[in-house]
N, C-alpha and C. Protein backbone atom coordinates (compact mmCIF):
# COMPACT_ATOMS: atom_id res chain seq x y z
N MET A 1 -2.76 -22.31 12.81
CA MET A 1 -2.40 -21.01 12.24
C MET A 1 -2.50 -21.09 10.71
N LEU A 2 -2.92 -20.00 10.13
CA LEU A 2 -3.06 -19.95 8.67
C LEU A 2 -1.69 -19.97 8.00
N ASP A 3 -1.68 -20.45 6.77
CA ASP A 3 -0.47 -20.44 5.96
C ASP A 3 0.01 -19.00 5.80
N THR A 4 1.31 -18.80 5.82
CA THR A 4 1.90 -17.47 5.69
C THR A 4 1.49 -16.80 4.40
N ARG A 5 1.33 -17.57 3.34
CA ARG A 5 0.90 -16.99 2.05
C ARG A 5 -0.46 -16.30 2.19
N ILE A 6 -1.37 -16.95 2.89
CA ILE A 6 -2.71 -16.38 3.07
C ILE A 6 -2.64 -15.14 3.95
N LEU A 7 -1.84 -15.19 4.99
CA LEU A 7 -1.70 -14.02 5.86
C LEU A 7 -1.10 -12.83 5.11
N LEU A 8 -0.09 -13.08 4.29
CA LEU A 8 0.52 -12.00 3.51
C LEU A 8 -0.48 -11.43 2.50
N ALA A 9 -1.23 -12.30 1.83
CA ALA A 9 -2.25 -11.82 0.89
C ALA A 9 -3.29 -10.98 1.62
N GLY A 10 -3.67 -11.40 2.81
CA GLY A 10 -4.63 -10.64 3.61
C GLY A 10 -4.11 -9.28 4.01
N LEU A 11 -2.83 -9.21 4.34
CA LEU A 11 -2.22 -7.92 4.67
C LEU A 11 -2.24 -6.98 3.47
N TRP A 12 -1.96 -7.50 2.28
CA TRP A 12 -1.99 -6.67 1.08
C TRP A 12 -3.41 -6.22 0.76
N ILE A 13 -4.39 -7.07 1.00
CA ILE A 13 -5.79 -6.66 0.81
C ILE A 13 -6.12 -5.52 1.76
N ALA A 14 -5.68 -5.63 3.00
CA ALA A 14 -5.93 -4.55 3.97
C ALA A 14 -5.29 -3.24 3.52
N VAL A 15 -4.07 -3.30 3.00
CA VAL A 15 -3.39 -2.08 2.53
C VAL A 15 -4.16 -1.45 1.37
N VAL A 16 -4.60 -2.28 0.42
CA VAL A 16 -5.36 -1.76 -0.72
C VAL A 16 -6.65 -1.10 -0.23
N LEU A 17 -7.34 -1.74 0.71
CA LEU A 17 -8.58 -1.17 1.23
C LEU A 17 -8.34 0.14 1.98
N ILE A 18 -7.23 0.24 2.69
CA ILE A 18 -6.89 1.49 3.37
C ILE A 18 -6.69 2.60 2.35
N TYR A 19 -5.96 2.31 1.29
CA TYR A 19 -5.76 3.32 0.24
C TYR A 19 -7.10 3.74 -0.38
N LEU A 20 -7.95 2.77 -0.68
CA LEU A 20 -9.25 3.08 -1.28
C LEU A 20 -10.14 3.87 -0.31
N TYR A 21 -10.13 3.48 0.94
CA TYR A 21 -10.91 4.19 1.96
C TYR A 21 -10.46 5.64 2.07
N GLY A 22 -9.15 5.86 2.04
CA GLY A 22 -8.63 7.23 2.05
C GLY A 22 -9.09 8.02 0.84
N ASP A 23 -9.10 7.38 -0.33
CA ASP A 23 -9.56 8.05 -1.54
C ASP A 23 -11.04 8.43 -1.44
N VAL A 24 -11.85 7.52 -0.91
CA VAL A 24 -13.29 7.79 -0.77
C VAL A 24 -13.51 8.97 0.18
N ILE A 25 -12.86 8.96 1.32
CA ILE A 25 -13.01 10.06 2.28
C ILE A 25 -12.53 11.37 1.65
N ARG A 26 -11.41 11.29 0.91
CA ARG A 26 -10.86 12.48 0.25
C ARG A 26 -11.86 13.06 -0.75
N ILE A 27 -12.56 12.21 -1.47
CA ILE A 27 -13.57 12.68 -2.44
C ILE A 27 -14.73 13.35 -1.71
N PHE A 28 -15.27 12.68 -0.67
CA PHE A 28 -16.42 13.23 0.04
C PHE A 28 -16.09 14.49 0.83
N SER A 29 -14.86 14.61 1.30
CA SER A 29 -14.48 15.80 2.07
C SER A 29 -14.16 17.00 1.17
N GLY A 30 -13.97 16.74 -0.11
CA GLY A 30 -13.59 17.81 -1.03
C GLY A 30 -12.10 18.00 -1.14
N ASP A 31 -11.32 17.23 -0.37
CA ASP A 31 -9.87 17.36 -0.41
C ASP A 31 -9.28 16.88 -1.74
N ALA A 32 -9.96 15.95 -2.40
CA ALA A 32 -9.44 15.42 -3.66
C ALA A 32 -9.35 16.52 -4.72
N ALA A 33 -10.37 17.36 -4.78
CA ALA A 33 -10.38 18.45 -5.77
C ALA A 33 -9.22 19.41 -5.53
N LYS A 34 -8.95 19.68 -4.25
CA LYS A 34 -7.83 20.59 -3.91
C LYS A 34 -6.49 19.96 -4.29
N MET A 35 -6.34 18.67 -4.00
CA MET A 35 -5.07 17.99 -4.27
C MET A 35 -4.83 17.84 -5.77
N LEU A 36 -5.89 17.73 -6.54
CA LEU A 36 -5.77 17.45 -7.97
C LEU A 36 -5.89 18.70 -8.83
N SER A 37 -5.81 19.86 -8.22
CA SER A 37 -6.00 21.10 -8.98
C SER A 37 -4.79 21.42 -9.87
N GLY A 38 -3.67 20.74 -9.66
CA GLY A 38 -2.49 20.97 -10.49
C GLY A 38 -2.61 20.30 -11.85
N GLN A 39 -1.61 20.47 -12.66
CA GLN A 39 -1.60 19.88 -14.00
C GLN A 39 -1.05 18.45 -13.93
N PHE A 40 -1.85 17.50 -14.32
CA PHE A 40 -1.42 16.12 -14.39
C PHE A 40 -1.44 15.67 -15.84
N THR A 41 -0.36 15.06 -16.27
CA THR A 41 -0.29 14.55 -17.64
C THR A 41 -0.77 13.10 -17.66
N GLN A 42 -1.02 12.58 -18.85
CA GLN A 42 -1.41 11.18 -18.98
C GLN A 42 -0.31 10.25 -18.45
N ALA A 43 0.93 10.64 -18.65
CA ALA A 43 2.05 9.83 -18.15
C ALA A 43 2.05 9.79 -16.62
N MET A 44 1.72 10.91 -16.00
CA MET A 44 1.67 10.94 -14.53
C MET A 44 0.54 10.05 -14.02
N TRP A 45 -0.63 10.11 -14.67
CA TRP A 45 -1.75 9.26 -14.26
C TRP A 45 -1.42 7.78 -14.48
N LEU A 46 -0.70 7.49 -15.56
CA LEU A 46 -0.27 6.11 -15.79
C LEU A 46 0.66 5.66 -14.67
N GLY A 47 1.58 6.53 -14.27
CA GLY A 47 2.48 6.20 -13.16
C GLY A 47 1.72 5.93 -11.87
N VAL A 48 0.70 6.73 -11.58
CA VAL A 48 -0.12 6.52 -10.39
C VAL A 48 -0.85 5.18 -10.50
N ALA A 49 -1.38 4.87 -11.67
CA ALA A 49 -2.09 3.61 -11.88
C ALA A 49 -1.16 2.41 -11.65
N VAL A 50 0.04 2.48 -12.19
CA VAL A 50 1.01 1.40 -12.01
C VAL A 50 1.38 1.26 -10.54
N LEU A 51 1.63 2.39 -9.89
CA LEU A 51 2.01 2.37 -8.48
C LEU A 51 0.92 1.74 -7.62
N MET A 52 -0.34 2.09 -7.88
CA MET A 52 -1.44 1.56 -7.07
C MET A 52 -1.81 0.13 -7.46
N LEU A 53 -1.37 -0.31 -8.64
CA LEU A 53 -1.62 -1.69 -9.04
C LEU A 53 -0.69 -2.67 -8.30
N ILE A 54 0.45 -2.20 -7.87
CA ILE A 54 1.44 -3.08 -7.23
C ILE A 54 0.87 -3.77 -5.99
N PRO A 55 0.25 -3.06 -5.01
CA PRO A 55 -0.30 -3.79 -3.86
C PRO A 55 -1.40 -4.77 -4.25
N ILE A 56 -2.17 -4.44 -5.29
CA ILE A 56 -3.21 -5.35 -5.76
C ILE A 56 -2.57 -6.62 -6.32
N LEU A 57 -1.50 -6.46 -7.10
CA LEU A 57 -0.80 -7.62 -7.66
C LEU A 57 -0.14 -8.48 -6.57
N MET A 58 0.18 -7.85 -5.44
CA MET A 58 0.82 -8.60 -4.35
C MET A 58 -0.11 -9.64 -3.75
N VAL A 59 -1.41 -9.46 -3.89
CA VAL A 59 -2.36 -10.45 -3.35
C VAL A 59 -2.19 -11.78 -4.07
N PRO A 60 -2.37 -11.86 -5.41
CA PRO A 60 -2.17 -13.17 -6.05
C PRO A 60 -0.72 -13.63 -6.02
N LEU A 61 0.23 -12.69 -6.11
CA LEU A 61 1.63 -13.11 -6.07
C LEU A 61 1.98 -13.76 -4.74
N SER A 62 1.43 -13.24 -3.64
CA SER A 62 1.68 -13.82 -2.33
C SER A 62 1.15 -15.25 -2.23
N LEU A 63 0.14 -15.54 -3.02
CA LEU A 63 -0.44 -16.88 -3.00
C LEU A 63 0.23 -17.83 -3.99
N MET A 64 0.89 -17.29 -5.02
CA MET A 64 1.39 -18.14 -6.10
C MET A 64 2.90 -18.34 -6.12
N LEU A 65 3.67 -17.36 -5.68
CA LEU A 65 5.12 -17.46 -5.79
C LEU A 65 5.69 -18.51 -4.85
N SER A 66 6.82 -19.07 -5.22
CA SER A 66 7.49 -20.02 -4.34
C SER A 66 7.97 -19.29 -3.08
N GLN A 67 8.17 -20.02 -2.00
CA GLN A 67 8.47 -19.42 -0.71
C GLN A 67 9.67 -18.48 -0.73
N PRO A 68 10.83 -18.88 -1.26
CA PRO A 68 11.98 -17.96 -1.19
C PRO A 68 11.75 -16.67 -2.00
N VAL A 69 11.16 -16.80 -3.18
CA VAL A 69 10.90 -15.62 -4.01
C VAL A 69 9.81 -14.77 -3.35
N ASN A 70 8.77 -15.44 -2.88
CA ASN A 70 7.64 -14.78 -2.23
C ASN A 70 8.12 -13.95 -1.04
N ARG A 71 8.98 -14.54 -0.25
CA ARG A 71 9.51 -13.87 0.94
C ARG A 71 10.18 -12.56 0.57
N TRP A 72 11.08 -12.60 -0.41
CA TRP A 72 11.84 -11.40 -0.77
C TRP A 72 11.01 -10.38 -1.52
N VAL A 73 10.08 -10.83 -2.35
CA VAL A 73 9.21 -9.88 -3.05
C VAL A 73 8.35 -9.12 -2.04
N ASN A 74 7.80 -9.83 -1.06
CA ASN A 74 7.00 -9.18 -0.03
C ASN A 74 7.84 -8.19 0.78
N ILE A 75 9.03 -8.56 1.14
CA ILE A 75 9.90 -7.65 1.91
C ILE A 75 10.22 -6.40 1.09
N ILE A 76 10.64 -6.59 -0.14
CA ILE A 76 11.06 -5.45 -0.97
C ILE A 76 9.89 -4.51 -1.24
N VAL A 77 8.75 -5.05 -1.63
CA VAL A 77 7.60 -4.21 -1.96
C VAL A 77 7.05 -3.52 -0.70
N ALA A 78 6.97 -4.23 0.41
CA ALA A 78 6.46 -3.62 1.64
C ALA A 78 7.40 -2.52 2.14
N VAL A 79 8.71 -2.73 2.05
CA VAL A 79 9.66 -1.69 2.44
C VAL A 79 9.53 -0.48 1.52
N PHE A 80 9.38 -0.72 0.21
CA PHE A 80 9.20 0.38 -0.73
C PHE A 80 7.98 1.22 -0.36
N PHE A 81 6.82 0.57 -0.13
CA PHE A 81 5.61 1.32 0.20
C PHE A 81 5.71 1.97 1.58
N PHE A 82 6.39 1.33 2.51
CA PHE A 82 6.61 1.94 3.82
C PHE A 82 7.36 3.26 3.66
N LEU A 83 8.47 3.23 2.93
CA LEU A 83 9.27 4.44 2.73
C LEU A 83 8.53 5.47 1.89
N PHE A 84 7.85 5.04 0.84
CA PHE A 84 7.08 5.93 -0.03
C PHE A 84 6.03 6.69 0.78
N ASN A 85 5.29 5.96 1.61
CA ASN A 85 4.23 6.59 2.41
C ASN A 85 4.81 7.42 3.56
N LEU A 86 5.92 6.99 4.10
CA LEU A 86 6.57 7.76 5.17
C LEU A 86 7.02 9.12 4.65
N VAL A 87 7.59 9.14 3.45
CA VAL A 87 8.03 10.39 2.83
C VAL A 87 6.82 11.26 2.49
N GLY A 88 5.74 10.65 2.03
CA GLY A 88 4.55 11.40 1.63
C GLY A 88 3.68 11.85 2.79
N LEU A 89 3.84 11.24 3.95
CA LEU A 89 2.99 11.53 5.10
C LEU A 89 2.87 13.02 5.43
N PRO A 90 3.97 13.77 5.47
CA PRO A 90 3.85 15.20 5.82
C PRO A 90 3.13 16.04 4.77
N THR A 91 2.99 15.53 3.56
CA THR A 91 2.36 16.32 2.50
C THR A 91 0.84 16.30 2.57
N TYR A 92 0.27 15.43 3.40
CA TYR A 92 -1.18 15.35 3.53
C TYR A 92 -1.63 16.24 4.69
N PRO A 93 -2.50 17.22 4.42
CA PRO A 93 -2.89 18.17 5.46
C PRO A 93 -3.91 17.63 6.46
N SER A 94 -4.71 16.65 6.06
CA SER A 94 -5.82 16.22 6.91
C SER A 94 -5.42 15.11 7.88
N ALA A 95 -6.08 15.13 9.04
CA ALA A 95 -5.80 14.14 10.08
C ALA A 95 -6.18 12.73 9.65
N TYR A 96 -7.28 12.58 8.90
CA TYR A 96 -7.70 11.24 8.48
C TYR A 96 -6.68 10.61 7.53
N ASP A 97 -6.08 11.43 6.65
CA ASP A 97 -5.06 10.90 5.75
C ASP A 97 -3.83 10.45 6.53
N LYS A 98 -3.39 11.27 7.47
CA LYS A 98 -2.23 10.91 8.29
C LYS A 98 -2.51 9.63 9.08
N PHE A 99 -3.72 9.52 9.63
CA PHE A 99 -4.09 8.33 10.39
C PHE A 99 -4.08 7.08 9.51
N LEU A 100 -4.74 7.16 8.34
CA LEU A 100 -4.80 6.00 7.46
C LEU A 100 -3.43 5.61 6.93
N LEU A 101 -2.59 6.60 6.62
CA LEU A 101 -1.23 6.29 6.17
C LEU A 101 -0.42 5.65 7.30
N ALA A 102 -0.62 6.11 8.53
CA ALA A 102 0.07 5.50 9.67
C ALA A 102 -0.36 4.05 9.84
N VAL A 103 -1.65 3.78 9.66
CA VAL A 103 -2.14 2.40 9.75
C VAL A 103 -1.53 1.56 8.63
N SER A 104 -1.45 2.12 7.42
CA SER A 104 -0.84 1.36 6.32
C SER A 104 0.64 1.09 6.59
N LEU A 105 1.32 2.02 7.27
CA LEU A 105 2.72 1.79 7.64
C LEU A 105 2.83 0.59 8.59
N VAL A 106 1.88 0.48 9.50
CA VAL A 106 1.88 -0.66 10.43
C VAL A 106 1.70 -1.96 9.65
N PHE A 107 0.75 -1.98 8.70
CA PHE A 107 0.54 -3.18 7.90
C PHE A 107 1.78 -3.52 7.08
N ASN A 108 2.46 -2.50 6.53
CA ASN A 108 3.70 -2.76 5.79
C ASN A 108 4.77 -3.33 6.71
N ALA A 109 4.88 -2.80 7.92
CA ALA A 109 5.88 -3.31 8.87
C ALA A 109 5.56 -4.75 9.26
N VAL A 110 4.29 -5.06 9.47
CA VAL A 110 3.90 -6.44 9.80
C VAL A 110 4.19 -7.36 8.62
N THR A 111 3.97 -6.89 7.41
CA THR A 111 4.27 -7.69 6.22
C THR A 111 5.76 -8.02 6.17
N VAL A 112 6.60 -7.02 6.39
CA VAL A 112 8.05 -7.25 6.40
C VAL A 112 8.42 -8.24 7.49
N TRP A 113 7.87 -8.05 8.68
CA TRP A 113 8.19 -8.93 9.82
C TRP A 113 7.77 -10.37 9.52
N MET A 114 6.55 -10.55 8.98
CA MET A 114 6.08 -11.90 8.69
C MET A 114 6.91 -12.56 7.59
N ALA A 115 7.21 -11.81 6.54
CA ALA A 115 8.01 -12.38 5.44
C ALA A 115 9.42 -12.68 5.91
N TRP A 116 9.99 -11.80 6.71
CA TRP A 116 11.37 -11.99 7.21
C TRP A 116 11.47 -13.25 8.07
N ASN A 117 10.44 -13.49 8.89
CA ASN A 117 10.46 -14.62 9.82
C ASN A 117 9.85 -15.89 9.23
N TRP A 118 9.54 -15.87 7.94
CA TRP A 118 8.94 -17.02 7.28
C TRP A 118 10.00 -18.09 7.10
N ALA A 119 9.84 -19.18 7.77
CA ALA A 119 10.85 -20.26 7.71
C ALA A 119 10.61 -21.20 6.56
């Protein structure tokens, strides 16, 4: 079996790819233009950038942090994104967005389960 660090990093890579895949489909479907028609400030875009950087940072952190710290960071961040996406799920009108967010929720739950059971 692979080291838990590698498995956790792989789960975070999968989550990042799911988010990116959703963005690509949203652009090609035209849904992105509808969702972004509101007023966004530079501060809001910075907040989105920071928020989306967190799962990317979890990849190297999962490989580098010591086991006890790694375990809790993975649990806390995965629970945060699980709840964040769960709350946001009803705001997406398209079936593909709901499907991809549901898949990301599964990956977040598996991340929590693996980190929690990491001996």
